[in-house]
Amino acid sequence: MKPIQVGLLGIGTVGSGTYGVLVRNQEEIRRRAGRGIEITMVADLDTERARGLVGPGVQVVADARAVIANPDIEIVVELIGGTGIARTLMMEAIAAGKHVVTANKALLAVHGTEIFEAAQQAGVIVAFEAAVAGGIPIIKALREGLTANRIQWIAGIINGTTNFILSEMRDKGLDFDVVLREAQRLGYAEADPTFDIEGVDAAHKATIMSAIAFGIPVQFDKAHVEGITQLSATDIRYAEQLGYRIKLLGFTRRREGLGVELRVHPTLVPARRLIANVEGAMNAVVVNGDAVGTTLYYGKGAGSEPTASAVIADLVDVTRLATSDPQHRVPHLAFQPGAVRNVSVLPMDEVVTSYYLRLRVKDEAGVLARVTGILAEAGISINALLQREADVVAGTDAGAGEPTPDHTDLIILTHETREGTMNQALARMQGLPAVLAPIVRIRKEELA
């Protein structure tokens, strides 16, 4: 059969990787897809650089709309990123009857409902394996491999930058700002790392997985998002002493009869769990289904060729399915469009989890009793408690320095409670005269 022709919008890190892997493995890919797959047209503002990457056999243009308008192009690969021009071009490609492959998690998390509805009406496919966890085939696992299951929850380390930073903080005992600068020097963090370190990137990916797992619309605007900028080496060390490690998790869970939890935040995970031992810039996703139990998906979550692996897997899928009846394709969000339910995302006050608390207090009689009394009155049960001499000079919270004999750290692990209840108890504890600094609260998940 004649090779299927692909137009590539953007040939940066992922785009160049996609072109290179597709050329390198073309025979293997053809054997799997049933026909050849060729990138025959590339749009990029830096046309000179693009021509140097693809050579004379590929048409290079500066105008992405020229790719969409080309009647020979059957699949458009969108690797521009962002939610501005990328959205416009994707909708134009769909309207022109082109199948679309994208790695754009931000666009799908914010505008996915609109995009998938347009694709359904046009009878085209929007494939997006590369949008979540790079080379890990988690979208395919959720949409197809686990389709027999009622998914209960998903927990993922889905941002390599933050996982690298937390791994370095734990290994070297350094605080966040120091490790961030090192991550930027090594190329693990962008010059402006805001989307990564504030949890936004992970929230985009968690939103997409939640929609597929539970058959609900994408609802990024309702996700609870916290990053890692306020974490200290002190808390990482205390967590380790208690048998836990701190990871930035994207977490979503079904709450029967109530709704769905959708949240990203630093989380204490038992050190014995496999996901707690995922280090450096690697990604991992844990999925719990009622039939299969708990499954783990691990690998490189970013980078040129790992992400290209997912892009090309989508190209193969689209090539196989392009001529099939649209009504018999795997739905974009796993559930048939008419069966997607507008289940609410729970406000954070209604989330139920357990907690790590650290209180810096005056080392005086009665403080522990007052703190535990407040928790007891709120109905919050204590699972473990440590008392440690504060290891900072008075008036600082740097996590290093000379011990201060008149201060102590109380570290408390609680059993599960409602977030709103915990917030009320924290407000009361913060008001105690003996509490000397803002209370540190980190959520905890057993992932069992």
Protein backbone atom coordinates (compact mmCIF):
# COMPACT_ATOMS: atom_id res chain seq x y z
CA MET A 1 0.00 0.00 0.00
CA LYS A 2 1.02 3.59 -0.53
CA PRO A 3 2.63 5.06 2.65
CA ILE A 4 0.39 7.27 4.75
CA GLN A 5 1.58 10.88 4.66
CA VAL A 6 2.09 12.79 7.89
CA GLY A 7 2.47 16.53 8.46
CA LEU A 8 4.50 17.63 11.47
CA LEU A 9 3.74 20.93 13.21
CA GLY A 10 6.85 21.86 15.21
CA ILE A 11 10.18 20.07 15.02
CA GLY A 12 11.72 20.81 18.37
CA THR A 13 12.96 18.20 20.84
CA VAL A 14 10.05 15.77 20.44
CA GLY A 15 9.49 16.52 16.77
CA SER A 16 13.10 15.82 15.82
CA GLY A 17 13.02 12.63 17.90
CA THR A 18 9.84 11.53 16.16
CA TYR A 19 11.32 12.09 12.71
CA GLY A 20 14.56 10.31 13.64
CA VAL A 21 12.92 7.23 15.20
CA LEU A 22 10.41 6.96 12.36
CA VAL A 23 13.21 6.92 9.78
CA ARG A 24 15.45 4.60 11.81
CA ASN A 25 12.75 2.00 12.50
CA GLN A 26 10.71 2.46 9.33
CA GLU A 27 10.79 -1.21 8.29
CA GLU A 28 9.71 -2.47 11.74
CA ILE A 29 6.98 0.16 11.90
CA ARG A 30 5.73 -0.71 8.40
CA ARG A 31 5.49 -4.40 9.35
CA ARG A 32 3.37 -3.48 12.36
CA ALA A 33 1.19 -0.83 10.76
CA GLY A 34 0.55 -2.67 7.52
CA ARG A 35 1.81 0.22 5.41
CA GLY A 36 4.57 2.79 5.52
CA ILE A 37 4.32 5.98 7.57
CA GLU A 38 6.22 8.98 6.22
CA ILE A 39 6.61 12.55 7.43
CA THR A 40 6.45 14.39 4.12
CA MET A 41 5.82 17.95 5.34
CA VAL A 42 7.07 19.95 8.32
CA ALA A 43 5.98 23.37 9.57
CA ASP A 44 8.35 25.30 11.79
CA LEU A 45 9.18 28.99 12.11
CA ASP A 46 12.89 28.16 11.92
CA THR A 47 12.77 26.69 8.45
CA GLU A 48 16.55 26.61 8.02
CA ARG A 49 17.02 24.49 11.14
CA ALA A 50 14.09 22.26 10.14
CA ARG A 51 15.57 21.60 6.68
CA GLY A 52 18.84 20.62 8.32
CA LEU A 53 17.01 18.04 10.45
CA VAL A 54 14.89 16.38 7.76
CA GLY A 55 16.94 16.78 4.59
CA PRO A 56 15.79 17.55 1.03
CA GLY A 57 13.12 14.84 0.77
CA VAL A 58 10.67 16.62 3.10
CA GLN A 59 8.81 19.84 2.32
CA VAL A 60 9.46 22.48 4.99
CA VAL A 61 7.20 25.51 5.42
CA ALA A 62 6.83 28.29 7.98
CA ASP A 63 3.02 28.32 7.81
CA ALA A 64 1.35 25.45 9.69
CA ARG A 65 -1.88 26.03 7.81
CA ALA A 66 -0.14 24.97 4.61
CA VAL A 67 0.27 21.51 6.14
CA ILE A 68 -3.41 21.34 7.11
CA ALA A 69 -4.46 22.48 3.63
CA ASN A 70 -2.37 19.84 1.84
CA PRO A 71 -4.85 17.20 0.56
CA ASP A 72 -2.16 14.47 0.64
CA ILE A 73 -1.59 14.84 4.39
CA GLU A 74 -3.80 12.38 6.29
CA ILE A 75 -2.39 12.78 9.80
CA VAL A 76 -1.28 16.01 11.47
CA VAL A 77 1.13 15.72 14.40
CA GLU A 78 0.83 18.76 16.68
CA LEU A 79 3.99 19.36 18.73
CA ILE A 80 3.81 23.13 19.09
CA GLY A 81 2.51 23.08 22.67
CA GLY A 82 0.46 25.55 24.66
CA THR A 83 -3.24 26.38 24.49
CA GLY A 84 -3.18 29.26 22.00
CA ILE A 85 -2.31 28.73 18.35
CA ALA A 86 -2.04 24.98 18.94
CA ARG A 87 -5.75 24.85 19.80
CA THR A 88 -6.69 26.81 16.70
CA LEU A 89 -4.59 24.63 14.43
CA MET A 90 -5.86 21.40 15.95
CA MET A 91 -9.49 22.45 15.49
CA GLU A 92 -8.74 23.48 11.89
CA ALA A 93 -7.07 20.13 11.20
CA ILE A 94 -10.10 18.27 12.61
CA ALA A 95 -12.48 20.41 10.53
CA ALA A 96 -10.38 19.57 7.45
CA GLY A 97 -10.90 15.84 8.13
CA LYS A 98 -7.35 15.16 9.32
CA HIS A 99 -6.52 12.74 12.08
CA VAL A 100 -4.43 14.38 14.81
CA VAL A 101 -1.64 13.07 17.04
CA THR A 102 -0.53 15.34 19.88
CA ALA A 103 1.67 15.45 22.97
CA ASN A 104 -0.09 18.58 24.25
CA LYS A 105 -1.33 17.75 27.76
CA ALA A 106 -2.14 21.37 28.64
CA LEU A 107 -4.41 21.74 25.62
CA LEU A 108 -6.26 18.47 26.25
CA ALA A 109 -6.61 19.08 30.00
CA VAL A 110 -8.19 22.48 29.41
CA HIS A 111 -10.02 22.07 26.08
CA GLY A 112 -10.22 18.28 25.67
CA THR A 113 -14.00 18.06 25.86
CA GLU A 114 -14.40 20.51 22.97
CA ILE A 115 -11.65 18.84 20.93
CA PHE A 116 -12.97 15.29 21.34
CA GLU A 117 -16.53 16.34 20.50
CA ALA A 118 -15.30 18.01 17.31
CA ALA A 119 -13.28 14.93 16.37
CA GLN A 120 -16.26 12.65 16.93
CA GLN A 121 -18.48 14.80 14.73
CA ALA A 122 -15.81 14.89 12.00
CA GLY A 123 -15.19 11.14 12.21
CA VAL A 124 -11.46 11.58 12.90
CA ILE A 125 -9.12 10.36 15.60
CA VAL A 126 -7.26 12.49 18.13
CA ALA A 127 -4.48 10.34 19.63
CA PHE A 128 -2.53 11.56 22.64
CA GLU A 129 -0.45 8.81 24.25
CA ALA A 130 2.56 11.14 24.41
CA ALA A 131 0.62 13.70 26.46
CA VAL A 132 0.99 11.72 29.70
CA ALA A 133 4.19 10.16 31.07
CA GLY A 134 6.27 10.32 27.89
CA GLY A 135 7.22 6.83 26.72
CA ILE A 136 5.06 4.97 29.26
CA PRO A 137 1.95 3.60 27.46
CA ILE A 138 -0.42 4.56 30.28
CA ILE A 139 -3.20 5.95 28.06
CA LYS A 140 -3.42 2.69 26.13
CA ALA A 141 -3.40 0.71 29.37
CA LEU A 142 -6.28 2.75 30.79
CA ARG A 143 -8.33 2.84 27.58
CA GLU A 144 -7.79 -0.75 26.46
CA GLY A 145 -5.72 -3.01 28.71
CA LEU A 146 -7.77 -2.32 31.83
CA THR A 147 -11.14 -1.92 30.16
CA ALA A 148 -12.67 -4.82 32.14
CA ASN A 149 -11.97 -3.02 35.40
CA ARG A 150 -13.78 -0.52 37.51
CA ILE A 151 -10.83 1.76 38.23
CA GLN A 152 -10.67 2.73 41.91
CA TRP A 153 -7.72 5.12 41.99
CA ILE A 154 -4.61 6.29 40.15
CA ALA A 155 -1.46 7.73 41.69
CA GLY A 156 1.38 8.95 39.50
CA ILE A 157 4.84 10.45 39.59
CA ILE A 158 4.23 12.22 36.29
CA ASN A 159 6.73 15.07 36.32
CA GLY A 160 10.38 14.18 36.02
CA THR A 161 11.71 17.59 37.05
CA THR A 162 10.06 17.52 40.47
CA ASN A 163 10.96 13.88 41.04
CA PHE A 164 14.61 14.66 40.29
CA ILE A 165 14.54 17.56 42.75
CA LEU A 166 12.93 15.50 45.53
CA SER A 167 15.38 12.64 44.96
CA GLU A 168 18.33 15.02 45.25
CA MET A 169 16.89 16.67 48.36
CA ARG A 170 16.55 13.27 50.02
CA ASP A 171 19.94 11.91 48.93
CA LYS A 172 21.97 15.03 49.72
CA GLY A 173 19.96 16.67 52.48
CA LEU A 174 19.76 19.93 50.54
CA ASP A 175 16.88 22.40 50.50
CA PHE A 176 14.69 23.08 47.50
CA ASP A 177 16.29 26.28 46.18
CA VAL A 178 19.76 24.71 46.08
CA VAL A 179 18.61 21.62 44.21
CA LEU A 180 16.49 23.63 41.76
CA ARG A 181 19.53 25.60 40.66
CA GLU A 182 21.43 22.33 40.14
CA ALA A 183 18.51 20.86 38.18
CA GLN A 184 18.52 23.91 35.91
CA ARG A 185 22.27 23.62 35.40
CA LEU A 186 21.93 19.96 34.40
CA GLY A 187 18.99 20.62 32.08
CA TYR A 188 16.37 18.79 34.17
CA ALA A 189 14.53 22.05 34.88
CA GLU A 190 13.62 24.87 32.51
CA ALA A 191 14.86 28.43 32.99
CA ASP A 192 11.26 29.14 34.06
CA PRO A 193 10.27 25.94 35.89
CA THR A 194 6.94 27.25 37.23
CA PHE A 195 4.64 24.72 35.55
CA ASP A 196 6.77 21.86 36.87
CA ILE A 197 7.57 22.93 40.43
CA GLU A 198 4.09 24.34 41.11
CA GLY A 199 2.43 21.08 40.06
CA VAL A 200 0.58 22.45 37.02
CA ASP A 201 2.17 20.06 34.52
CA ALA A 202 1.33 17.05 36.71
CA ALA A 203 -2.23 18.33 37.15
CA HIS A 204 -2.72 18.49 33.37
CA LYS A 205 -1.72 14.83 33.11
CA ALA A 206 -3.74 13.73 36.15
CA THR A 207 -6.81 15.44 34.67
CA ILE A 208 -6.51 13.43 31.46
CA MET A 209 -6.01 10.13 33.28
CA SER A 210 -8.96 10.84 35.57
CA ALA A 211 -11.26 11.44 32.60
CA ILE A 212 -10.25 8.15 30.99
CA ALA A 213 -10.40 6.15 34.22
CA PHE A 214 -13.85 7.28 35.32
CA GLY A 215 -15.58 8.28 32.09
CA ILE A 216 -15.95 11.96 32.99
CA PRO A 217 -15.20 15.19 31.10
CA VAL A 218 -11.74 16.74 31.52
CA GLN A 219 -12.00 19.18 34.43
CA PHE A 220 -8.60 20.75 35.00
CA ASP A 221 -10.16 23.89 36.48
CA LYS A 222 -11.46 21.81 39.41
CA ALA A 223 -8.18 20.07 40.24
CA HIS A 224 -6.42 20.91 43.50
CA VAL A 225 -2.82 21.83 42.65
CA GLU A 226 0.16 22.25 44.98
CA GLY A 227 3.84 22.17 44.08
CA ILE A 228 7.04 21.41 45.95
CA THR A 229 8.45 24.90 46.51
CA GLN A 230 7.62 24.91 50.23
CA LEU A 231 9.15 21.52 51.02
CA SER A 232 12.20 21.48 53.27
CA ALA A 233 14.98 18.96 53.74
CA THR A 234 13.87 18.76 57.38
CA ASP A 235 10.51 17.22 56.48
CA ILE A 236 12.06 14.86 53.95
CA ARG A 237 14.41 13.63 56.68
CA TYR A 238 11.64 13.21 59.25
CA ALA A 239 9.49 11.34 56.72
CA GLU A 240 12.40 8.98 56.09
CA GLN A 241 12.74 8.30 59.82
CA LEU A 242 9.06 7.37 59.91
CA GLY A 243 9.41 4.96 56.98
CA TYR A 244 8.07 7.24 54.23
CA ARG A 245 9.31 9.16 51.23
CA ILE A 246 7.86 12.37 49.84
CA LYS A 247 6.80 12.38 46.19
CA LEU A 248 4.80 14.85 44.13
CA LEU A 249 1.81 12.73 43.15
CA GLY A 250 -1.01 13.26 40.74
CA PHE A 251 -3.87 11.47 42.46
CA THR A 252 -7.43 10.70 41.44
CA ARG A 253 -9.90 8.44 43.22
CA ARG A 254 -13.51 7.36 42.84
CA ARG A 255 -15.69 8.19 45.87
CA GLU A 256 -18.87 6.16 45.48
CA GLY A 257 -21.98 8.32 45.44
CA LEU A 258 -19.99 11.50 46.03
CA GLY A 259 -17.74 12.21 43.07
CA VAL A 260 -14.08 12.03 42.12
CA GLU A 261 -10.99 13.33 43.88
CA LEU A 262 -8.52 15.09 41.56
CA ARG A 263 -5.43 16.51 43.21
CA VAL A 264 -1.70 17.11 42.87
CA HIS A 265 0.47 17.73 45.92
CA PRO A 266 3.50 16.45 47.83
CA THR A 267 2.59 13.13 49.39
CA LEU A 268 4.12 10.79 51.96
CA VAL A 269 4.32 7.28 50.48
CA PRO A 270 5.51 4.22 52.44
CA ALA A 271 9.14 3.52 51.53
CA ARG A 272 8.29 -0.14 50.89
CA ARG A 273 6.03 0.75 47.95
CA LEU A 274 7.63 0.41 44.52
CA ILE A 275 6.57 3.92 43.51
CA ALA A 276 8.40 5.38 46.52
CA ASN A 277 11.64 4.04 45.04
CA VAL A 278 11.25 5.75 41.66
CA GLU A 279 14.17 8.15 41.60
CA GLY A 280 15.65 10.85 39.41
CA ALA A 281 13.71 12.05 36.38
CA MET A 282 11.80 8.79 35.94
CA ASN A 283 7.99 8.54 35.95
CA ALA A 284 5.68 5.88 37.35
CA VAL A 285 1.92 5.44 37.51
CA VAL A 286 0.05 3.08 39.84
CA VAL A 287 -3.48 2.06 38.83
CA ASN A 288 -5.85 0.14 41.09
CA GLY A 289 -8.73 -1.74 39.46
CA ASP A 290 -11.31 -3.96 41.10
CA ALA A 291 -10.41 -7.04 39.02
CA VAL A 292 -6.69 -6.68 38.36
CA GLY A 293 -5.70 -5.13 41.69
CA THR A 294 -2.72 -2.77 41.69
CA THR A 295 -0.55 -2.38 38.59
CA LEU A 296 2.57 -0.24 38.08
CA TYR A 297 3.79 1.44 34.88
CA TYR A 298 7.37 2.78 34.95
CA GLY A 299 9.71 4.47 32.51
CA LYS A 300 11.04 7.68 31.05
CA GLY A 301 8.42 10.39 31.24
CA ALA A 302 10.07 12.89 28.93
CA GLY A 303 12.87 13.35 26.44
CA SER A 304 13.18 13.30 22.68
CA GLU A 305 13.01 9.60 21.84
CA PRO A 306 10.92 8.29 24.78
CA THR A 307 8.17 10.77 23.89
CA ALA A 308 8.68 10.05 20.20
CA SER A 309 8.03 6.38 20.98
CA ALA A 310 4.53 7.32 22.16
CA VAL A 311 3.92 9.67 19.21
CA ILE A 312 4.82 6.95 16.73
CA ALA A 313 2.71 4.36 18.55
CA ASP A 314 -0.22 6.71 17.99
CA LEU A 315 0.72 7.09 14.33
CA VAL A 316 0.64 3.30 13.96
CA ASP A 317 -2.75 3.11 15.68
CA VAL A 318 -4.21 5.83 13.48
CA THR A 319 -2.78 4.16 10.36
CA ARG A 320 -4.43 0.86 11.32
CA LEU A 321 -7.77 2.48 12.15
CA ALA A 322 -7.98 5.31 9.61
CA THR A 323 -10.26 3.38 7.28
CA SER A 324 -12.35 1.73 10.00
CA ASP A 325 -15.90 2.64 10.91
CA PRO A 326 -15.63 5.60 13.36
CA GLN A 327 -18.36 4.03 15.52
CA HIS A 328 -16.17 1.00 16.19
CA ARG A 329 -12.95 2.75 17.17
CA VAL A 330 -11.76 2.93 20.78
CA PRO A 331 -13.40 6.10 22.18
CA HIS A 332 -11.08 9.01 22.97
CA LEU A 333 -11.88 8.83 26.69
CA ALA A 334 -12.38 5.04 26.78
CA PHE A 335 -16.14 5.32 27.36
CA GLN A 336 -18.61 5.75 24.53
CA PRO A 337 -19.33 9.50 24.09
CA GLY A 338 -22.95 9.13 25.15
CA ALA A 339 -21.86 7.25 28.29
CA VAL A 340 -19.50 9.94 29.62
CA ARG A 341 -20.99 11.16 32.90
CA ASN A 342 -20.65 14.64 34.30
CA VAL A 343 -19.56 13.42 37.72
CA SER A 344 -18.42 16.23 40.00
CA VAL A 345 -14.84 16.71 41.17
CA LEU A 346 -14.93 16.99 44.94
CA PRO A 347 -13.77 20.23 46.56
CA MET A 348 -10.60 19.74 48.56
CA ASP A 349 -12.44 20.15 51.87
CA GLU A 350 -14.27 16.89 51.10
CA VAL A 351 -11.14 14.86 50.30
CA VAL A 352 -10.36 12.10 52.81
CA THR A 353 -6.74 11.21 53.47
CA SER A 354 -4.22 10.95 56.30
CA TYR A 355 -1.60 13.53 57.22
CA TYR A 356 1.93 14.32 58.31
CA LEU A 357 2.08 17.37 60.58
CA ARG A 358 5.16 19.15 61.88
CA LEU A 359 4.76 21.75 64.59
CA ARG A 360 7.68 23.86 65.83
CA VAL A 361 6.79 24.59 69.44
CA LYS A 362 8.23 25.88 72.68
CA ASP A 363 9.81 23.11 74.69
CA GLU A 364 7.58 23.48 77.73
CA ALA A 365 5.21 21.36 79.77
CA GLY A 366 1.69 20.83 78.48
CA VAL A 367 2.25 21.68 74.81
CA LEU A 368 1.88 18.11 73.57
CA ALA A 369 -1.30 17.65 75.59
CA ARG A 370 -2.87 20.80 74.14
CA VAL A 371 -2.00 19.76 70.57
CA THR A 372 -3.28 16.21 70.91
CA GLY A 373 -6.34 17.49 72.72
CA ILE A 374 -7.32 19.63 69.74
CA LEU A 375 -6.92 16.65 67.41
CA ALA A 376 -8.99 14.46 69.72
CA GLU A 377 -11.78 17.02 69.92
CA ALA A 378 -11.87 17.10 66.11
CA GLY A 379 -12.11 13.31 66.00
CA ILE A 380 -8.68 12.98 64.35
CA SER A 381 -6.85 9.84 65.44
CA ILE A 382 -3.05 9.82 65.80
CA ASN A 383 -1.12 7.01 64.13
CA ALA A 384 2.44 7.94 65.19
CA LEU A 385 4.20 10.76 67.01
CA LEU A 386 7.82 11.89 67.22
CA GLN A 387 9.43 14.66 69.22
CA ARG A 388 12.77 15.97 68.00
CA GLU A 389 14.99 18.82 69.12
CA ALA A 390 14.65 21.61 66.55
CA ASP A 391 17.77 21.76 64.40
CA VAL A 392 17.74 25.42 63.39
CA VAL A 393 18.92 28.66 64.92
CA ALA A 394 16.02 30.51 66.59
CA GLY A 395 14.06 32.67 64.15
CA THR A 396 14.93 30.64 61.04
CA ASP A 397 13.51 27.61 59.31
CA ALA A 398 16.41 26.64 57.10
CA GLY A 399 16.69 23.05 58.23
CA ALA A 400 20.31 23.40 59.35
CA GLY A 401 22.29 25.11 62.05
CA GLU A 402 22.87 24.88 65.79
CA PRO A 403 20.23 23.17 67.96
CA THR A 404 17.96 25.52 69.89
CA PRO A 405 17.26 24.01 73.32
CA ASP A 406 14.04 25.97 73.90
CA HIS A 407 12.37 24.75 70.69
CA THR A 408 11.22 21.31 69.63
CA ASP A 409 9.58 19.72 66.61
CA LEU A 410 6.45 17.65 67.07
CA ILE A 411 5.89 15.29 64.14
CA ILE A 412 2.47 13.66 63.98
CA LEU A 413 1.06 11.10 61.58
CA THR A 414 -2.72 10.89 61.60
CA HIS A 415 -5.28 8.35 60.46
CA GLU A 416 -7.66 9.30 57.66
CA THR A 417 -9.85 12.33 58.13
CA ARG A 418 -11.70 14.84 56.02
CA GLU A 419 -9.57 17.76 54.80
CA GLY A 420 -12.07 20.34 56.05
CA THR A 421 -11.90 18.83 59.54
CA MET A 422 -8.11 18.91 59.46
CA ASN A 423 -8.13 22.55 58.34
CA GLN A 424 -10.24 23.53 61.34
CA ALA A 425 -7.94 21.65 63.72
CA LEU A 426 -4.85 23.23 62.15
CA ALA A 427 -6.30 26.71 62.60
CA ARG A 428 -6.84 26.03 66.31
CA MET A 429 -3.35 24.58 66.77
CA GLN A 430 -1.76 27.48 64.89
CA GLY A 431 -3.39 29.85 67.36
CA LEU A 432 -1.65 28.28 70.36
CA PRO A 433 0.98 30.66 71.85
CA ALA A 434 3.46 27.79 72.04
CA VAL A 435 3.40 27.20 68.26
CA LEU A 436 6.29 29.24 66.88
CA ALA A 437 6.05 28.81 63.09
CA PRO A 438 3.50 27.91 60.40
CA ILE A 439 2.49 24.28 60.79
CA VAL A 440 3.71 22.01 58.00
CA ARG A 441 0.97 19.75 56.63
CA ILE A 442 1.73 17.06 54.01
CA ARG A 443 -0.88 14.55 52.93
CA LYS A 444 -0.16 10.83 53.17
CA GLU A 445 -1.34 7.92 51.03
CA GLU A 446 -0.71 4.22 51.73
CA LEU A 447 -1.42 3.21 48.08
CA ALA A 448 -2.39 -0.28 49.18
